[in-house]
Amino acid sequence: MEQFPPSLIKQKESKKFVKMYNKTGYTLFSFEYLWRQKWAHEVEKAKAGLQATLIIRHPNNNKLYVNFDSEILTLIREAKCLSRIGIDIPESAKIVLLQEDKFKMYNSELHFVLREYDRIVNKIRPNTKSLLVPHLEDLEYKLRPGMVTLTWTSMNIDGYLHHVHQGLAKLE
């Protein structure tokens, strides 16, 4: 790096520019610090979404939906970008980042399961529906843990998905 001659730095105008440079640097540093603090807080809020159940039932139309907070995917993208440029990310963001593939796979698999559920249930003719009530109730029973107890951080989601797939195959 080229250094300026001492006589240039001692000039009155130079001191004004140095002061302005230092003030700008401090402002940028403060902004980055506050931005990181706010982002770390947002990470914690988004991470709380992982405590939600896997599936929810819409109160108006009774349809089942995957209950995955899209903020988790945003958090993952941001954490990846910050990590690539060398910015240290909070430990909780690192933990979510390490589980990215698992969350995406479960989200995709649950969307598939619910599409299959809708497809199979909609194939049932109204005149035969009463005959299939026990089978429909059995499938609802198999889906229930995803609506009541299982969250995105649960350890037994794979077993749950296997169980639901078996129920879908049986009903079909």
N, C-alpha and C. Protein backbone atom coordinates (compact mmCIF):
# COMPACT_ATOMS: atom_id res chain seq x y z
N MET A 1 0.84 -1.17 0.00
CA MET A 1 0.00 0.00 0.00
C MET A 1 0.90 1.25 0.00
N GLU A 2 0.54 2.18 -0.83
CA GLU A 2 1.33 3.40 -0.97
C GLU A 2 1.03 4.34 0.20
N GLN A 3 2.09 4.92 0.77
CA GLN A 3 1.89 5.85 1.87
C GLN A 3 1.96 7.28 1.35
N PHE A 4 1.21 8.14 2.01
CA PHE A 4 1.20 9.55 1.64
C PHE A 4 2.38 10.25 2.30
N PRO A 5 2.91 11.24 1.64
CA PRO A 5 4.00 12.01 2.26
C PRO A 5 3.49 12.72 3.53
N PRO A 6 4.30 12.78 4.57
CA PRO A 6 3.88 13.42 5.83
C PRO A 6 3.40 14.86 5.65
N SER A 7 3.97 15.54 4.69
CA SER A 7 3.55 16.93 4.49
C SER A 7 2.10 17.02 4.00
N LEU A 8 1.65 16.01 3.24
CA LEU A 8 0.28 16.00 2.74
C LEU A 8 -0.71 15.75 3.87
N ILE A 9 -0.36 14.86 4.78
CA ILE A 9 -1.24 14.52 5.90
C ILE A 9 -1.34 15.68 6.88
N LYS A 10 -0.30 16.48 7.02
CA LYS A 10 -0.30 17.58 7.99
C LYS A 10 -1.09 18.80 7.51
N GLN A 11 -1.47 18.81 6.26
CA GLN A 11 -2.24 19.96 5.76
C GLN A 11 -3.62 20.00 6.42
N LYS A 12 -4.16 21.19 6.55
CA LYS A 12 -5.43 21.42 7.24
C LYS A 12 -6.57 20.65 6.57
N GLU A 13 -6.63 20.67 5.24
CA GLU A 13 -7.70 19.97 4.51
C GLU A 13 -7.61 18.46 4.70
N SER A 14 -6.42 17.93 4.78
CA SER A 14 -6.22 16.49 4.94
C SER A 14 -6.82 16.01 6.25
N LYS A 15 -6.63 16.79 7.31
CA LYS A 15 -7.18 16.40 8.61
C LYS A 15 -8.69 16.28 8.55
N LYS A 16 -9.32 17.17 7.79
CA LYS A 16 -10.77 17.13 7.63
C LYS A 16 -11.20 15.82 6.94
N PHE A 17 -10.45 15.42 5.91
CA PHE A 17 -10.77 14.18 5.19
C PHE A 17 -10.52 12.94 6.03
N VAL A 18 -9.45 12.96 6.80
CA VAL A 18 -9.15 11.84 7.69
C VAL A 18 -10.26 11.69 8.72
N LYS A 19 -10.70 12.81 9.27
CA LYS A 19 -11.77 12.79 10.27
C LYS A 19 -13.06 12.24 9.64
N MET A 20 -13.37 12.68 8.42
CA MET A 20 -14.56 12.22 7.73
C MET A 20 -14.45 10.71 7.43
N TYR A 21 -13.26 10.28 7.03
CA TYR A 21 -13.00 8.86 6.75
C TYR A 21 -13.22 8.03 8.01
N ASN A 22 -12.67 8.47 9.12
CA ASN A 22 -12.82 7.74 10.39
C ASN A 22 -14.28 7.69 10.83
N LYS A 23 -14.99 8.80 10.65
CA LYS A 23 -16.40 8.84 11.03
C LYS A 23 -17.23 7.88 10.16
N THR A 24 -16.93 7.85 8.88
CA THR A 24 -17.63 6.93 7.97
C THR A 24 -17.33 5.49 8.34
N GLY A 25 -16.09 5.19 8.63
CA GLY A 25 -15.70 3.84 9.04
C GLY A 25 -16.42 3.42 10.31
N TYR A 26 -16.49 4.31 11.28
CA TYR A 26 -17.18 4.00 12.54
C TYR A 26 -18.67 3.76 12.28
N THR A 27 -19.27 4.59 11.42
CA THR A 27 -20.70 4.44 11.11
C THR A 27 -20.95 3.10 10.44
N LEU A 28 -20.12 2.72 9.50
CA LEU A 28 -20.27 1.43 8.82
C LEU A 28 -20.09 0.27 9.79
N PHE A 29 -19.10 0.38 10.66
CA PHE A 29 -18.87 -0.66 11.66
C PHE A 29 -20.09 -0.79 12.58
N SER A 30 -20.63 0.33 13.02
CA SER A 30 -21.81 0.31 13.90
C SER A 30 -23.01 -0.30 13.19
N PHE A 31 -23.20 0.06 11.92
CA PHE A 31 -24.30 -0.48 11.15
C PHE A 31 -24.16 -2.00 11.04
N GLU A 32 -22.97 -2.48 10.70
CA GLU A 32 -22.76 -3.92 10.55
C GLU A 32 -23.01 -4.65 11.87
N TYR A 33 -22.54 -4.08 12.96
CA TYR A 33 -22.73 -4.69 14.27
C TYR A 33 -24.22 -4.80 14.60
N LEU A 34 -24.95 -3.70 14.41
CA LEU A 34 -26.39 -3.72 14.71
C LEU A 34 -27.14 -4.67 13.77
N TRP A 35 -26.73 -4.72 12.52
CA TRP A 35 -27.36 -5.62 11.55
C TRP A 35 -27.15 -7.07 11.96
N ARG A 36 -25.94 -7.42 12.39
CA ARG A 36 -25.65 -8.79 12.84
C ARG A 36 -26.47 -9.15 14.07
N GLN A 37 -26.60 -8.21 15.00
CA GLN A 37 -27.39 -8.46 16.21
C GLN A 37 -28.85 -8.73 15.85
N LYS A 38 -29.41 -7.91 14.97
CA LYS A 38 -30.79 -8.09 14.55
C LYS A 38 -30.96 -9.41 13.81
N TRP A 39 -30.02 -9.75 12.95
CA TRP A 39 -30.10 -11.01 12.21
C TRP A 39 -30.04 -12.20 13.16
N ALA A 40 -29.17 -12.14 14.16
CA ALA A 40 -29.07 -13.23 15.14
C ALA A 40 -30.39 -13.38 15.89
N HIS A 41 -31.05 -12.27 16.18
CA HIS A 41 -32.36 -12.32 16.83
C HIS A 41 -33.39 -12.97 15.90
N GLU A 42 -33.34 -12.63 14.62
CA GLU A 42 -34.26 -13.21 13.63
C GLU A 42 -34.00 -14.71 13.48
N VAL A 43 -32.76 -15.12 13.61
CA VAL A 43 -32.42 -16.54 13.54
C VAL A 43 -33.15 -17.29 14.64
N GLU A 44 -33.13 -16.74 15.84
CA GLU A 44 -33.80 -17.38 16.97
C GLU A 44 -35.31 -17.46 16.76
N LYS A 45 -35.89 -16.38 16.21
CA LYS A 45 -37.32 -16.40 15.93
C LYS A 45 -37.67 -17.44 14.87
N ALA A 46 -36.87 -17.51 13.81
CA ALA A 46 -37.14 -18.48 12.74
C ALA A 46 -36.93 -19.90 13.25
N LYS A 47 -35.93 -20.08 14.09
CA LYS A 47 -35.66 -21.40 14.65
C LYS A 47 -36.81 -21.90 15.50
N ALA A 48 -37.54 -20.98 16.10
CA ALA A 48 -38.71 -21.37 16.89
C ALA A 48 -39.76 -22.04 16.01
N GLY A 49 -39.77 -21.72 14.72
CA GLY A 49 -40.69 -22.35 13.79
C GLY A 49 -40.46 -23.84 13.64
N LEU A 50 -39.30 -24.32 14.03
CA LEU A 50 -39.01 -25.75 13.97
C LEU A 50 -39.74 -26.52 15.07
N GLN A 51 -40.29 -25.80 16.03
CA GLN A 51 -41.05 -26.45 17.10
C GLN A 51 -42.52 -26.64 16.74
N ALA A 52 -42.90 -26.23 15.53
CA ALA A 52 -44.29 -26.38 15.07
C ALA A 52 -44.53 -27.83 14.65
N THR A 53 -45.78 -28.25 14.69
CA THR A 53 -46.13 -29.59 14.23
C THR A 53 -45.92 -29.68 12.72
N LEU A 54 -45.79 -30.90 12.22
CA LEU A 54 -45.50 -31.12 10.80
C LEU A 54 -46.67 -30.76 9.89
N ILE A 55 -47.87 -31.04 10.35
CA ILE A 55 -49.07 -30.88 9.52
C ILE A 55 -50.11 -30.09 10.30
N ILE A 56 -50.85 -29.26 9.60
CA ILE A 56 -51.99 -28.56 10.22
C ILE A 56 -53.22 -28.78 9.36
N ARG A 57 -54.36 -28.67 10.00
CA ARG A 57 -55.64 -28.78 9.30
C ARG A 57 -56.26 -27.38 9.23
N HIS A 58 -56.61 -26.96 8.04
CA HIS A 58 -57.21 -25.63 7.86
C HIS A 58 -58.58 -25.64 8.54
N PRO A 59 -58.87 -24.64 9.38
CA PRO A 59 -60.13 -24.64 10.13
C PRO A 59 -61.38 -24.48 9.25
N ASN A 60 -61.24 -23.84 8.10
CA ASN A 60 -62.43 -23.59 7.26
C ASN A 60 -62.73 -24.73 6.30
N ASN A 61 -61.71 -25.20 5.58
CA ASN A 61 -61.97 -26.22 4.57
C ASN A 61 -61.54 -27.63 4.99
N ASN A 62 -61.01 -27.78 6.19
CA ASN A 62 -60.61 -29.08 6.75
C ASN A 62 -59.48 -29.76 5.98
N LYS A 63 -58.84 -29.04 5.09
CA LYS A 63 -57.76 -29.60 4.27
C LYS A 63 -56.46 -29.62 5.08
N LEU A 64 -55.62 -30.62 4.82
CA LEU A 64 -54.35 -30.75 5.51
C LEU A 64 -53.25 -30.03 4.74
N TYR A 65 -52.36 -29.36 5.48
CA TYR A 65 -51.25 -28.62 4.88
C TYR A 65 -49.97 -28.92 5.64
N VAL A 66 -48.84 -28.87 4.92
CA VAL A 66 -47.53 -29.01 5.56
C VAL A 66 -47.27 -27.69 6.31
N ASN A 67 -46.85 -27.81 7.55
CA ASN A 67 -46.66 -26.65 8.42
C ASN A 67 -45.18 -26.31 8.52
N PHE A 68 -44.60 -25.90 7.40
CA PHE A 68 -43.18 -25.57 7.38
C PHE A 68 -43.03 -24.07 7.16
N ASP A 69 -42.31 -23.42 8.06
CA ASP A 69 -42.11 -21.97 8.00
C ASP A 69 -41.05 -21.65 6.94
N SER A 70 -41.44 -20.87 5.93
CA SER A 70 -40.51 -20.53 4.85
C SER A 70 -39.35 -19.67 5.36
N GLU A 71 -39.49 -19.08 6.54
CA GLU A 71 -38.39 -18.31 7.12
C GLU A 71 -37.17 -19.19 7.40
N ILE A 72 -37.40 -20.48 7.60
CA ILE A 72 -36.28 -21.40 7.83
C ILE A 72 -35.41 -21.47 6.57
N LEU A 73 -36.06 -21.56 5.41
CA LEU A 73 -35.30 -21.60 4.15
C LEU A 73 -34.56 -20.28 3.92
N THR A 74 -35.19 -19.17 4.28
CA THR A 74 -34.53 -17.86 4.16
C THR A 74 -33.31 -17.82 5.08
N LEU A 75 -33.48 -18.28 6.31
CA LEU A 75 -32.38 -18.34 7.26
C LEU A 75 -31.23 -19.17 6.71
N ILE A 76 -31.54 -20.31 6.12
CA ILE A 76 -30.51 -21.18 5.57
C ILE A 76 -29.75 -20.48 4.45
N ARG A 77 -30.49 -19.84 3.53
CA ARG A 77 -29.85 -19.12 2.41
C ARG A 77 -28.94 -18.01 2.93
N GLU A 78 -29.45 -17.22 3.88
CA GLU A 78 -28.65 -16.11 4.43
C GLU A 78 -27.41 -16.63 5.15
N ALA A 79 -27.58 -17.69 5.93
CA ALA A 79 -26.44 -18.24 6.67
C ALA A 79 -25.38 -18.76 5.71
N LYS A 80 -25.81 -19.40 4.64
CA LYS A 80 -24.85 -19.89 3.63
C LYS A 80 -24.07 -18.72 3.02
N CYS A 81 -24.80 -17.68 2.62
CA CYS A 81 -24.14 -16.52 2.00
C CYS A 81 -23.17 -15.85 2.96
N LEU A 82 -23.59 -15.62 4.19
CA LEU A 82 -22.71 -14.98 5.17
C LEU A 82 -21.48 -15.83 5.45
N SER A 83 -21.69 -17.13 5.52
CA SER A 83 -20.58 -18.03 5.78
C SER A 83 -19.58 -18.02 4.62
N ARG A 84 -20.08 -17.97 3.40
CA ARG A 84 -19.21 -17.95 2.21
C ARG A 84 -18.31 -16.72 2.17
N ILE A 85 -18.83 -15.59 2.66
CA ILE A 85 -18.01 -14.37 2.61
C ILE A 85 -17.19 -14.18 3.88
N GLY A 86 -17.19 -15.20 4.73
CA GLY A 86 -16.30 -15.19 5.88
C GLY A 86 -16.86 -14.56 7.14
N ILE A 87 -18.15 -14.30 7.16
CA ILE A 87 -18.76 -13.73 8.37
C ILE A 87 -19.17 -14.87 9.29
N ASP A 88 -18.80 -14.75 10.54
CA ASP A 88 -19.13 -15.77 11.52
C ASP A 88 -20.63 -15.74 11.81
N ILE A 89 -21.27 -16.91 11.76
CA ILE A 89 -22.71 -16.99 12.01
C ILE A 89 -22.95 -17.62 13.38
N PRO A 90 -24.09 -17.30 14.00
CA PRO A 90 -24.37 -17.85 15.33
C PRO A 90 -24.44 -19.39 15.31
N GLU A 91 -24.15 -19.97 16.44
CA GLU A 91 -24.16 -21.43 16.56
C GLU A 91 -25.52 -22.02 16.20
N SER A 92 -26.60 -21.36 16.60
CA SER A 92 -27.93 -21.88 16.29
C SER A 92 -28.19 -21.90 14.79
N ALA A 93 -27.65 -20.93 14.05
CA ALA A 93 -27.79 -20.92 12.59
C ALA A 93 -26.96 -22.04 11.98
N LYS A 94 -25.80 -22.32 12.56
CA LYS A 94 -24.97 -23.42 12.06
C LYS A 94 -25.69 -24.76 12.22
N ILE A 95 -26.38 -24.91 13.33
CA ILE A 95 -27.11 -26.16 13.58
C ILE A 95 -28.21 -26.35 12.55
N VAL A 96 -28.96 -25.29 12.26
CA VAL A 96 -30.03 -25.36 11.25
C VAL A 96 -29.41 -25.62 9.88
N LEU A 97 -28.31 -24.99 9.58
CA LEU A 97 -27.63 -25.15 8.30
C LEU A 97 -27.19 -26.59 8.09
N LEU A 98 -26.71 -27.23 9.14
CA LEU A 98 -26.27 -28.62 9.05
C LEU A 98 -27.44 -29.57 8.76
N GLN A 99 -28.65 -29.16 9.11
CA GLN A 99 -29.83 -30.01 8.92
C GLN A 99 -30.65 -29.61 7.69
N GLU A 100 -30.09 -28.78 6.85
CA GLU A 100 -30.80 -28.27 5.68
C GLU A 100 -31.40 -29.38 4.83
N ASP A 101 -30.59 -30.35 4.46
CA ASP A 101 -31.07 -31.43 3.58
C ASP A 101 -32.22 -32.20 4.22
N LYS A 102 -32.11 -32.44 5.52
CA LYS A 102 -33.15 -33.17 6.22
C LYS A 102 -34.47 -32.40 6.21
N PHE A 103 -34.42 -31.11 6.50
CA PHE A 103 -35.64 -30.30 6.52
C PHE A 103 -36.28 -30.23 5.13
N LYS A 104 -35.46 -30.04 4.12
CA LYS A 104 -35.99 -29.97 2.76
C LYS A 104 -36.60 -31.30 2.33
N MET A 105 -35.95 -32.39 2.69
CA MET A 105 -36.46 -33.72 2.33
C MET A 105 -37.79 -33.99 3.03
N TYR A 106 -37.86 -33.70 4.33
CA TYR A 106 -39.11 -33.92 5.06
C TYR A 106 -40.23 -33.05 4.50
N ASN A 107 -39.92 -31.80 4.20
CA ASN A 107 -40.92 -30.88 3.64
C ASN A 107 -41.46 -31.44 2.32
N SER A 108 -40.56 -31.86 1.45
CA SER A 108 -40.95 -32.42 0.16
C SER A 108 -41.75 -33.70 0.33
N GLU A 109 -41.30 -34.56 1.20
CA GLU A 109 -41.98 -35.84 1.44
C GLU A 109 -43.38 -35.64 2.01
N LEU A 110 -43.52 -34.69 2.92
CA LEU A 110 -44.83 -34.42 3.50
C LEU A 110 -45.78 -33.82 2.46
N HIS A 111 -45.27 -32.95 1.59
CA HIS A 111 -46.10 -32.42 0.51
C HIS A 111 -46.59 -33.56 -0.39
N PHE A 112 -45.70 -34.49 -0.69
CA PHE A 112 -46.07 -35.64 -1.51
C PHE A 112 -47.14 -36.48 -0.81
N VAL A 113 -46.94 -36.76 0.48
CA VAL A 113 -47.90 -37.57 1.24
C VAL A 113 -49.28 -36.93 1.23
N LEU A 114 -49.34 -35.63 1.45
CA LEU A 114 -50.64 -34.96 1.50
C LEU A 114 -51.30 -34.90 0.11
N ARG A 115 -50.50 -34.75 -0.94
CA ARG A 115 -51.07 -34.81 -2.30
C ARG A 115 -51.64 -36.20 -2.57
N GLU A 116 -50.91 -37.23 -2.16
CA GLU A 116 -51.39 -38.61 -2.32
C GLU A 116 -52.67 -38.83 -1.51
N TYR A 117 -52.68 -38.33 -0.29
CA TYR A 117 -53.87 -38.46 0.57
C TYR A 117 -55.08 -37.84 -0.13
N ASP A 118 -54.91 -36.61 -0.63
CA ASP A 118 -56.02 -35.94 -1.34
C ASP A 118 -56.43 -36.72 -2.57
N ARG A 119 -55.45 -37.20 -3.33
CA ARG A 119 -55.76 -37.95 -4.55
C ARG A 119 -56.55 -39.21 -4.25
N ILE A 120 -56.14 -39.95 -3.24
CA ILE A 120 -56.81 -41.21 -2.90
C ILE A 120 -58.20 -40.95 -2.34
N VAL A 121 -58.31 -39.99 -1.44
CA VAL A 121 -59.62 -39.69 -0.84
C VAL A 121 -60.60 -39.16 -1.90
N ASN A 122 -60.11 -38.37 -2.84
CA ASN A 122 -60.99 -37.83 -3.88
C ASN A 122 -61.41 -38.89 -4.90
N LYS A 123 -60.71 -40.02 -4.96
CA LYS A 123 -61.09 -41.12 -5.85
C LYS A 123 -62.29 -41.90 -5.31
N ILE A 124 -62.55 -41.76 -4.02
CA ILE A 124 -63.64 -42.53 -3.39
C ILE A 124 -64.98 -41.98 -3.85
N ARG A 125 -65.81 -42.88 -4.33
CA ARG A 125 -67.15 -42.47 -4.77
C ARG A 125 -68.04 -42.27 -3.55
N PRO A 126 -68.93 -41.29 -3.63
CA PRO A 126 -69.80 -41.00 -2.48
C PRO A 126 -70.62 -42.21 -2.01
N ASN A 127 -71.07 -43.04 -2.94
CA ASN A 127 -71.90 -44.18 -2.54
C ASN A 127 -71.11 -45.29 -1.84
N THR A 128 -69.78 -45.30 -1.97
CA THR A 128 -68.97 -46.31 -1.29
C THR A 128 -68.20 -45.75 -0.09
N LYS A 129 -68.33 -44.45 0.11
CA LYS A 129 -67.56 -43.81 1.20
C LYS A 129 -67.90 -44.40 2.56
N SER A 130 -69.17 -44.68 2.80
CA SER A 130 -69.57 -45.21 4.11
C SER A 130 -68.94 -46.57 4.38
N LEU A 131 -68.66 -47.34 3.32
CA LEU A 131 -68.01 -48.64 3.50
C LEU A 131 -66.54 -48.49 3.88
N LEU A 132 -65.95 -47.39 3.48
CA LEU A 132 -64.52 -47.18 3.71
C LEU A 132 -64.21 -46.34 4.95
N VAL A 133 -65.24 -45.96 5.70
CA VAL A 133 -65.03 -45.12 6.88
C VAL A 133 -63.98 -45.70 7.83
N PRO A 134 -64.00 -47.01 8.15
CA PRO A 134 -62.95 -47.52 9.06
C PRO A 134 -61.54 -47.34 8.50
N HIS A 135 -61.39 -47.50 7.18
CA HIS A 135 -60.07 -47.34 6.56
C HIS A 135 -59.64 -45.87 6.55
N LEU A 136 -60.59 -44.97 6.31
CA LEU A 136 -60.29 -43.53 6.34
C LEU A 136 -59.90 -43.10 7.75
N GLU A 137 -60.62 -43.64 8.75
CA GLU A 137 -60.30 -43.32 10.14
C GLU A 137 -58.92 -43.85 10.52
N ASP A 138 -58.56 -45.04 10.00
CA ASP A 138 -57.25 -45.61 10.26
C ASP A 138 -56.15 -44.71 9.69
N LEU A 139 -56.37 -44.21 8.47
CA LEU A 139 -55.39 -43.32 7.86
C LEU A 139 -55.30 -42.00 8.63
N GLU A 140 -56.43 -41.47 9.06
CA GLU A 140 -56.42 -40.25 9.89
C GLU A 140 -55.63 -40.50 11.18
N TYR A 141 -55.81 -41.68 11.75
CA TYR A 141 -55.09 -42.05 12.97
C TYR A 141 -53.58 -42.07 12.71
N LYS A 142 -53.19 -42.56 11.53
CA LYS A 142 -51.77 -42.62 11.18
C LYS A 142 -51.20 -41.23 10.90
N LEU A 143 -52.02 -40.31 10.40
CA LEU A 143 -51.58 -38.93 10.14
C LEU A 143 -51.54 -38.09 11.41
N ARG A 144 -52.31 -38.47 12.41
CA ARG A 144 -52.49 -37.67 13.63
C ARG A 144 -51.20 -37.25 14.34
N PRO A 145 -50.20 -38.14 14.50
CA PRO A 145 -48.97 -37.69 15.20
C PRO A 145 -48.32 -36.47 14.54
N GLY A 146 -48.42 -36.37 13.23
CA GLY A 146 -47.86 -35.21 12.52
C GLY A 146 -48.61 -33.93 12.80
N MET A 147 -49.85 -34.05 13.29
CA MET A 147 -50.67 -32.88 13.60
C MET A 147 -50.64 -32.54 15.08
N VAL A 148 -50.17 -33.48 15.90
CA VAL A 148 -50.28 -33.29 17.35
C VAL A 148 -48.93 -33.28 18.06
N THR A 149 -48.10 -34.28 17.79
CA THR A 149 -46.89 -34.42 18.60
C THR A 149 -45.57 -34.19 17.86
N LEU A 150 -45.50 -34.59 16.60
CA LEU A 150 -44.21 -34.50 15.88
C LEU A 150 -43.93 -33.07 15.43
N THR A 151 -42.71 -32.63 15.67
CA THR A 151 -42.25 -31.32 15.20
C THR A 151 -41.09 -31.56 14.25
N TRP A 152 -40.58 -30.48 13.65
CA TRP A 152 -39.49 -30.58 12.68
C TRP A 152 -38.18 -31.04 13.31
N THR A 153 -38.10 -31.00 14.61
CA THR A 153 -36.88 -31.46 15.29
C THR A 153 -37.04 -32.85 15.90
N SER A 154 -38.18 -33.49 15.68
CA SER A 154 -38.42 -34.83 16.21
C SER A 154 -37.48 -35.84 15.56
N MET A 155 -37.16 -36.86 16.30
CA MET A 155 -36.22 -37.88 15.81
C MET A 155 -36.90 -38.98 15.00
N ASN A 156 -38.20 -39.14 15.11
CA ASN A 156 -38.87 -40.29 14.49
C ASN A 156 -39.74 -39.91 13.29
N ILE A 157 -39.36 -38.90 12.55
CA ILE A 157 -40.14 -38.48 11.38
C ILE A 157 -40.06 -39.54 10.28
N ASP A 158 -38.91 -40.16 10.13
CA ASP A 158 -38.77 -41.20 9.10
C ASP A 158 -39.75 -42.35 9.35
N GLY A 159 -39.84 -42.80 10.58
CA GLY A 159 -40.78 -43.87 10.93
C GLY A 159 -42.22 -43.44 10.70
N TYR A 160 -42.51 -42.21 11.04
CA TYR A 160 -43.87 -41.66 10.83
C TYR A 160 -44.21 -41.67 9.34
N LEU A 161 -43.30 -41.19 8.51
CA LEU A 161 -43.55 -41.15 7.06
C LEU A 161 -43.74 -42.56 6.50
N HIS A 162 -42.94 -43.50 6.97
CA HIS A 162 -43.08 -44.89 6.53
C HIS A 162 -44.47 -45.43 6.91
N HIS A 163 -44.88 -45.15 8.12
CA HIS A 163 -46.19 -45.59 8.62
C HIS A 163 -47.32 -44.98 7.78
N VAL A 164 -47.22 -43.71 7.47
CA VAL A 164 -48.25 -43.04 6.66
C VAL A 164 -48.27 -43.59 5.24
N HIS A 165 -47.11 -43.85 4.67
CA HIS A 165 -47.05 -44.44 3.32
C HIS A 165 -47.74 -45.80 3.29
N GLN A 166 -47.53 -46.58 4.33
CA GLN A 166 -48.20 -47.88 4.42
C GLN A 166 -49.71 -47.70 4.48
N GLY A 167 -50.18 -46.72 5.26
CA GLY A 167 -51.61 -46.47 5.36
C GLY A 167 -52.20 -46.01 4.05
N LEU A 168 -51.47 -45.17 3.31
CA LEU A 168 -51.94 -44.71 2.00
C LEU A 168 -52.04 -45.88 1.02
N ALA A 169 -51.02 -46.75 1.03
CA ALA A 169 -51.02 -47.91 0.14
C ALA A 169 -52.18 -48.84 0.48
N LYS A 170 -52.44 -49.03 1.74
CA LYS A 170 -53.53 -49.91 2.19
C LYS A 170 -54.88 -49.34 1.75
N LEU A 171 -55.09 -48.03 1.93
CA LEU A 171 -56.35 -47.42 1.54
C LEU A 171 -56.55 -47.48 0.03
N GLU A 172 -55.47 -47.26 -0.71
CA GLU A 172 -55.62 -47.26 -2.18
C GLU A 172 -55.96 -48.66 -2.66
